[in-house]
């Protein structure tokens, strides 16, 4: 029974970290989708704003 008491805090912290990272990645994905949708609606297919301004490969 003492194994559960020893491992429980680490498991809880691990789960909290997992949920936090999941929400961050989901928010980033939604933001990228919204940015792509806004660029499509604006009629600009230029992705230089989203790729850091890198020049296209030749």
C-alpha atoms as a PDB file:
ATOM      1  CA  UNK A   1       0.000   0.000   0.000  1.00  0.00           C
ATOM      2  CA  UNK A   2       2.905   2.359   0.642  1.00  0.00           C
ATOM      3  CA  UNK A   3       3.889   2.000  -3.035  1.00  0.00           C
ATOM      4  CA  UNK A   4       0.731   3.829  -4.032  1.00  0.00           C
ATOM      5  CA  UNK A   5       1.442   6.620  -1.556  1.00  0.00           C
ATOM      6  CA  UNK A   6       4.962   6.971  -2.955  1.00  0.00           C
ATOM      7  CA  UNK A   7       4.013   6.883  -6.629  1.00  0.00           C
ATOM      8  CA  UNK A   8       0.765   8.885  -6.501  1.00  0.00           C
ATOM      9  CA  UNK A   9       2.356  12.379  -6.449  1.00  0.00           C
ATOM     10  CA  UNK A  10       4.541  11.595  -9.462  1.00  0.00           C
ATOM     11  CA  UNK A  11       1.601  10.156 -11.376  1.00  0.00           C
ATOM     12  CA  UNK A  12      -0.565  13.192 -10.589  1.00  0.00           C
ATOM     13  CA  UNK A  13       2.163  15.645 -11.640  1.00  0.00           C
ATOM     14  CA  UNK A  14       2.756  13.626 -14.805  1.00  0.00           C
ATOM     15  CA  UNK A  15      -0.947  13.735 -15.667  1.00  0.00           C
ATOM     16  CA  UNK A  16      -1.119  17.476 -15.029  1.00  0.00           C
ATOM     17  CA  UNK A  17       1.895  17.991 -17.299  1.00  0.00           C
ATOM     18  CA  UNK A  18       0.324  15.810 -20.001  1.00  0.00           C
ATOM     19  CA  UNK A  19      -2.971  17.745 -19.899  1.00  0.00           C
ATOM     20  CA  UNK A  20      -1.135  21.078 -19.987  1.00  0.00           C
ATOM     21  CA  UNK A  21       0.974  20.057 -22.988  1.00  0.00           C
ATOM     22  CA  UNK A  22      -2.055  18.621 -24.767  1.00  0.00           C
ATOM     23  CA  UNK A  23      -3.970  21.870 -24.337  1.00  0.00           C
ATOM     24  CA  UNK A  24      -0.993  23.925 -25.536  1.00  0.00           C
ATOM     25  CA  UNK A  25      -0.573  21.802 -28.671  1.00  0.00           C
ATOM     26  CA  UNK A  26      -4.318  21.862 -29.387  1.00  0.00           C
ATOM     27  CA  UNK A  27      -4.388  25.655 -29.021  1.00  0.00           C
ATOM     28  CA  UNK A  28      -1.413  25.933 -31.391  1.00  0.00           C
ATOM     29  CA  UNK A  29      -3.126  23.675 -33.923  1.00  0.00           C
ATOM     30  CA  UNK A  30      -6.325  25.744 -33.766  1.00  0.00           C
ATOM     31  CA  UNK A  31      -4.319  28.948 -34.158  1.00  0.00           C
ATOM     32  CA  UNK A  32      -2.530  27.590 -37.239  1.00  0.00           C
ATOM     33  CA  UNK A  33      -5.843  26.502 -38.756  1.00  0.00           C
ATOM     34  CA  UNK A  34      -7.345  29.937 -38.122  1.00  0.00           C
ATOM     35  CA  UNK A  35      -4.293  31.619 -39.667  1.00  0.00           C
ATOM     36  CA  UNK A  36      -4.508  29.397 -42.758  1.00  0.00           C
ATOM     37  CA  UNK A  37      -8.241  30.080 -43.064  1.00  0.00           C
ATOM     38  CA  UNK A  38      -7.664  33.838 -42.762  1.00  0.00           C
ATOM     39  CA  UNK A  39      -4.966  33.720 -45.440  1.00  0.00           C
ATOM     40  CA  UNK A  40      -7.233  31.733 -47.778  1.00  0.00           C
ATOM     41  CA  UNK A  41     -10.090  34.188 -47.256  1.00  0.00           C
ATOM     42  CA  UNK A  42      -7.764  37.122 -47.863  1.00  0.00           C
ATOM     43  CA  UNK A  43      -6.701  35.522 -51.116  1.00  0.00           C
ATOM     44  CA  UNK A  44      -3.017  35.410 -50.290  1.00  0.00           C
ATOM     45  CA  UNK A  45      -1.415  32.058 -50.760  1.00  0.00           C
ATOM     46  CA  UNK A  46       1.854  33.445 -49.439  1.00  0.00           C
ATOM     47  CA  UNK A  47       3.016  31.339 -46.517  1.00  0.00           C
ATOM     48  CA  UNK A  48       6.088  33.434 -45.724  1.00  0.00           C
ATOM     49  CA  UNK A  49       4.387  34.820 -42.622  1.00  0.00           C
ATOM     50  CA  UNK A  50       3.843  31.377 -41.171  1.00  0.00           C
ATOM     51  CA  UNK A  51       7.222  29.863 -42.077  1.00  0.00           C
ATOM     52  CA  UNK A  52       9.295  32.599 -40.482  1.00  0.00           C
ATOM     53  CA  UNK A  53       9.875  34.514 -43.694  1.00  0.00           C
ATOM     54  CA  UNK A  54      12.167  31.948 -45.225  1.00  0.00           C
ATOM     55  CA  UNK A  55      12.768  32.223 -48.943  1.00  0.00           C
ATOM     56  CA  UNK A  56      11.306  29.454 -51.103  1.00  0.00           C
ATOM     57  CA  UNK A  57      13.689  26.712 -52.178  1.00  0.00           C
ATOM     58  CA  UNK A  58      14.745  26.763 -55.830  1.00  0.00           C
END
